[in-house]
Amino acid sequence: MRKTLLSTLVLSFLLASAPALAATTSTRTETGRLEWREGDHHLVVDANQGIVRVTTTEPGTYFGVRAGDRILSIDGKPVRTIADLTDTLAATHRTRLPMTVVRRGDQMSLDVTTAAWSKVVPAAPPAPPAPPAPPTPRS
């Protein structure tokens, strides 16, 4: 009887803490698509369950990535969603960023030119203006 009660308490504790444990180890994922076309330039990036993959890029070297590349990180930040990619690109003022991809089974580091991505990714909104100075008291 005592063994059964102890087993029930331990099992109850484990079941009650399971959602909290799962929440601490989960990662943000999405299913989405970034598609952009202008003139002869075309880019499609798909995200599905934490995997972000370049589907189309024309011309082949314009964006610094190739069709079939799986994007792992940009500027040292993991890429698991389209937002991970676009937020980093929109927030930078640098002209080139390091990107880690898997291409044909091999992991490689590339430098992508942010100018190529600037039309694809909207710029970060400007900072709000500073509040006006308080009025000065009249004497």
C-alpha atoms as a PDB file:
ATOM      1  CA  MET A   1       0.000   0.000   0.000  1.00  0.00           C
ATOM      2  CA  ARG A   2       2.738   2.430   0.959  1.00  0.00           C
ATOM      3  CA  LYS A   3       4.710   1.537  -2.203  1.00  0.00           C
ATOM      4  CA  THR A   4       1.625   2.194  -4.357  1.00  0.00           C
ATOM      5  CA  LEU A   5       1.030   5.568  -2.723  1.00  0.00           C
ATOM      6  CA  LEU A   6       4.647   6.570  -3.249  1.00  0.00           C
ATOM      7  CA  SER A   7       4.558   5.452  -6.892  1.00  0.00           C
ATOM      8  CA  THR A   8       1.336   7.410  -7.442  1.00  0.00           C
ATOM      9  CA  LEU A   9       2.852  10.562  -5.930  1.00  0.00           C
ATOM     10  CA  VAL A  10       6.019  10.289  -8.037  1.00  0.00           C
ATOM     11  CA  LEU A  11       4.002   9.657 -11.195  1.00  0.00           C
ATOM     12  CA  SER A  12       1.703  12.600 -10.416  1.00  0.00           C
ATOM     13  CA  PHE A  13       4.694  14.872  -9.888  1.00  0.00           C
ATOM     14  CA  LEU A  14       6.293  13.817 -13.181  1.00  0.00           C
ATOM     15  CA  LEU A  15       3.072  14.286 -15.137  1.00  0.00           C
ATOM     16  CA  ALA A  16       2.416  17.669 -13.560  1.00  0.00           C
ATOM     17  CA  SER A  17       5.911  18.920 -14.394  1.00  0.00           C
ATOM     18  CA  ALA A  18       5.968  17.581 -17.978  1.00  0.00           C
ATOM     19  CA  PRO A  19       4.440  20.713 -19.601  1.00  0.00           C
ATOM     20  CA  ALA A  20       6.936  22.939 -17.800  1.00  0.00           C
ATOM     21  CA  LEU A  21       9.840  20.765 -18.900  1.00  0.00           C
ATOM     22  CA  ALA A  22       8.581  20.706 -22.489  1.00  0.00           C
ATOM     23  CA  ALA A  23       8.182  24.486 -22.536  1.00  0.00           C
ATOM     24  CA  THR A  24      11.778  25.048 -21.523  1.00  0.00           C
ATOM     25  CA  THR A  25      13.176  22.871 -24.316  1.00  0.00           C
ATOM     26  CA  SER A  26      10.875  23.848 -27.174  1.00  0.00           C
ATOM     27  CA  THR A  27      12.005  26.117 -29.987  1.00  0.00           C
ATOM     28  CA  ARG A  28      10.071  28.620 -32.037  1.00  0.00           C
ATOM     29  CA  THR A  29       9.143  27.117 -35.401  1.00  0.00           C
ATOM     30  CA  GLU A  30       6.853  28.072 -38.223  1.00  0.00           C
ATOM     31  CA  THR A  31       5.695  27.045 -41.613  1.00  0.00           C
ATOM     32  CA  GLY A  32       6.033  29.943 -43.985  1.00  0.00           C
ATOM     33  CA  ARG A  33       7.319  31.282 -47.250  1.00  0.00           C
ATOM     34  CA  LEU A  34       9.249  34.343 -48.317  1.00  0.00           C
ATOM     35  CA  GLU A  35       8.821  34.965 -52.022  1.00  0.00           C
ATOM     36  CA  TRP A  36      10.153  37.969 -53.929  1.00  0.00           C
ATOM     37  CA  ARG A  37      10.413  38.751 -57.621  1.00  0.00           C
ATOM     38  CA  GLU A  38      11.576  41.864 -59.464  1.00  0.00           C
ATOM     39  CA  GLY A  39      12.671  41.815 -63.092  1.00  0.00           C
ATOM     40  CA  ASP A  40      15.065  38.903 -63.581  1.00  0.00           C
ATOM     41  CA  HIS A  41      15.599  38.417 -59.831  1.00  0.00           C
ATOM     42  CA  HIS A  42      13.583  35.801 -57.962  1.00  0.00           C
ATOM     43  CA  LEU A  43      13.996  34.379 -54.462  1.00  0.00           C
ATOM     44  CA  VAL A  44      11.905  31.828 -52.584  1.00  0.00           C
ATOM     45  CA  VAL A  45      12.763  30.706 -49.036  1.00  0.00           C
ATOM     46  CA  ASP A  46      10.556  28.141 -47.274  1.00  0.00           C
ATOM     47  CA  ALA A  47      10.402  27.330 -43.564  1.00  0.00           C
ATOM     48  CA  ASN A  48       8.880  24.136 -42.242  1.00  0.00           C
ATOM     49  CA  GLN A  49       9.234  22.775 -38.707  1.00  0.00           C
ATOM     50  CA  GLY A  50      12.421  24.690 -37.927  1.00  0.00           C
ATOM     51  CA  ILE A  51      14.121  23.997 -41.262  1.00  0.00           C
ATOM     52  CA  VAL A  52      14.669  27.037 -43.490  1.00  0.00           C
ATOM     53  CA  ARG A  53      15.564  26.185 -47.069  1.00  0.00           C
ATOM     54  CA  VAL A  54      16.203  28.216 -50.218  1.00  0.00           C
ATOM     55  CA  THR A  55      13.851  26.884 -52.890  1.00  0.00           C
ATOM     56  CA  THR A  56      14.564  29.278 -55.767  1.00  0.00           C
ATOM     57  CA  THR A  57      17.244  31.874 -56.462  1.00  0.00           C
ATOM     58  CA  GLU A  58      17.671  33.595 -59.803  1.00  0.00           C
ATOM     59  CA  PRO A  59      20.225  34.476 -60.951  1.00  0.00           C
ATOM     60  CA  GLY A  60      21.972  31.648 -59.182  1.00  0.00           C
ATOM     61  CA  THR A  61      24.594  33.637 -57.289  1.00  0.00           C
ATOM     62  CA  TYR A  62      22.846  36.984 -56.794  1.00  0.00           C
ATOM     63  CA  PHE A  63      21.723  36.426 -53.173  1.00  0.00           C
ATOM     64  CA  GLY A  64      24.831  34.493 -52.122  1.00  0.00           C
ATOM     65  CA  VAL A  65      22.835  31.293 -51.609  1.00  0.00           C
ATOM     66  CA  ARG A  66      21.725  28.569 -54.009  1.00  0.00           C
ATOM     67  CA  ALA A  67      18.511  26.649 -54.480  1.00  0.00           C
ATOM     68  CA  GLY A  68      18.595  23.680 -52.112  1.00  0.00           C
ATOM     69  CA  ASP A  69      20.685  25.411 -49.415  1.00  0.00           C
ATOM     70  CA  ARG A  70      19.445  24.908 -45.874  1.00  0.00           C
ATOM     71  CA  ILE A  71      20.123  28.053 -43.843  1.00  0.00           C
ATOM     72  CA  LEU A  72      21.405  27.224 -40.348  1.00  0.00           C
ATOM     73  CA  SER A  73      22.496  30.643 -39.081  1.00  0.00           C
ATOM     74  CA  ILE A  74      23.136  34.227 -40.076  1.00  0.00           C
ATOM     75  CA  ASP A  75      25.580  36.483 -38.259  1.00  0.00           C
ATOM     76  CA  GLY A  76      25.975  33.738 -35.655  1.00  0.00           C
ATOM     77  CA  LYS A  77      22.229  33.620 -34.855  1.00  0.00           C
ATOM     78  CA  PRO A  78      20.300  30.382 -35.465  1.00  0.00           C
ATOM     79  CA  VAL A  79      17.720  30.494 -38.261  1.00  0.00           C
ATOM     80  CA  ARG A  80      14.625  28.373 -37.583  1.00  0.00           C
ATOM     81  CA  THR A  81      11.992  30.702 -39.035  1.00  0.00           C
ATOM     82  CA  ILE A  82      11.652  33.201 -41.849  1.00  0.00           C
ATOM     83  CA  ALA A  83      11.488  35.913 -39.154  1.00  0.00           C
ATOM     84  CA  ASP A  84      14.880  34.807 -37.740  1.00  0.00           C
ATOM     85  CA  LEU A  85      16.392  35.437 -41.165  1.00  0.00           C
ATOM     86  CA  THR A  86      14.584  38.651 -42.058  1.00  0.00           C
ATOM     87  CA  ASP A  87      14.894  40.267 -38.611  1.00  0.00           C
ATOM     88  CA  THR A  88      18.680  39.857 -38.634  1.00  0.00           C
ATOM     89  CA  LEU A  89      18.992  41.149 -42.193  1.00  0.00           C
ATOM     90  CA  ALA A  90      16.712  44.129 -41.536  1.00  0.00           C
ATOM     91  CA  ALA A  91      18.517  45.140 -38.350  1.00  0.00           C
ATOM     92  CA  THR A  92      22.049  45.216 -39.754  1.00  0.00           C
ATOM     93  CA  HIS A  93      23.934  48.197 -41.123  1.00  0.00           C
ATOM     94  CA  ARG A  94      26.784  46.028 -42.391  1.00  0.00           C
ATOM     95  CA  THR A  95      27.288  45.321 -46.100  1.00  0.00           C
ATOM     96  CA  ARG A  96      28.077  41.622 -45.653  1.00  0.00           C
ATOM     97  CA  LEU A  97      26.958  39.030 -43.127  1.00  0.00           C
ATOM     98  CA  PRO A  98      28.255  35.507 -42.502  1.00  0.00           C
ATOM     99  CA  MET A  99      25.693  32.786 -43.183  1.00  0.00           C
ATOM    100  CA  THR A 100      26.081  29.089 -42.423  1.00  0.00           C
ATOM    101  CA  VAL A 101      24.294  26.724 -44.789  1.00  0.00           C
ATOM    102  CA  VAL A 102      24.160  23.043 -45.613  1.00  0.00           C
ATOM    103  CA  ARG A 103      24.727  22.540 -49.333  1.00  0.00           C
ATOM    104  CA  ARG A 104      24.636  19.023 -50.787  1.00  0.00           C
ATOM    105  CA  GLY A 105      25.267  17.560 -47.347  1.00  0.00           C
ATOM    106  CA  ASP A 106      28.259  19.772 -46.512  1.00  0.00           C
ATOM    107  CA  GLN A 107      28.119  22.586 -43.971  1.00  0.00           C
ATOM    108  CA  MET A 108      29.729  25.772 -45.255  1.00  0.00           C
ATOM    109  CA  SER A 109      30.104  29.401 -44.313  1.00  0.00           C
ATOM    110  CA  LEU A 110      29.214  32.098 -46.856  1.00  0.00           C
ATOM    111  CA  ASP A 111      29.331  35.868 -46.840  1.00  0.00           C
ATOM    112  CA  VAL A 112      26.063  37.258 -48.192  1.00  0.00           C
ATOM    113  CA  THR A 113      25.797  40.800 -49.494  1.00  0.00           C
ATOM    114  CA  THR A 114      23.040  42.578 -47.611  1.00  0.00           C
ATOM    115  CA  ALA A 115      22.376  44.920 -50.566  1.00  0.00           C
ATOM    116  CA  ALA A 116      20.998  41.965 -52.535  1.00  0.00           C
ATOM    117  CA  TRP A 117      18.566  41.222 -49.715  1.00  0.00           C
ATOM    118  CA  SER A 118      17.604  44.849 -49.002  1.00  0.00           C
ATOM    119  CA  LYS A 119      14.621  44.878 -51.393  1.00  0.00           C
ATOM    120  CA  VAL A 120      13.475  41.459 -50.199  1.00  0.00           C
ATOM    121  CA  VAL A 121      13.599  42.321 -46.507  1.00  0.00           C
ATOM    122  CA  PRO A 122      11.907  45.507 -45.369  1.00  0.00           C
ATOM    123  CA  ALA A 123      14.169  47.831 -43.429  1.00  0.00           C
ATOM    124  CA  ALA A 124      13.762  48.006 -39.689  1.00  0.00           C
ATOM    125  CA  PRO A 125      11.416  50.814 -38.695  1.00  0.00           C
ATOM    126  CA  PRO A 126      13.159  53.990 -37.555  1.00  0.00           C
ATOM    127  CA  ALA A 127      13.432  54.695 -33.870  1.00  0.00           C
ATOM    128  CA  PRO A 128      10.594  56.825 -32.485  1.00  0.00           C
ATOM    129  CA  PRO A 129      11.406  60.518 -32.088  1.00  0.00           C
ATOM    130  CA  ALA A 130      12.578  61.778 -28.731  1.00  0.00           C
ATOM    131  CA  PRO A 131       9.854  63.316 -26.570  1.00  0.00           C
ATOM    132  CA  PRO A 132       9.721  67.113 -26.568  1.00  0.00           C
ATOM    133  CA  ALA A 133      11.560  68.992 -23.843  1.00  0.00           C
ATOM    134  CA  PRO A 134       9.375  70.105 -20.916  1.00  0.00           C
ATOM    135  CA  PRO A 135       8.282  73.731 -21.034  1.00  0.00           C
ATOM    136  CA  THR A 136      10.473  76.180 -19.203  1.00  0.00           C
ATOM    137  CA  PRO A 137       8.791  78.099 -16.378  1.00  0.00           C
ATOM    138  CA  ARG A 138       8.294  81.825 -16.925  1.00  0.00           C
ATOM    139  CA  SER A 139       9.417  84.208 -14.272  1.00  0.00           C
END
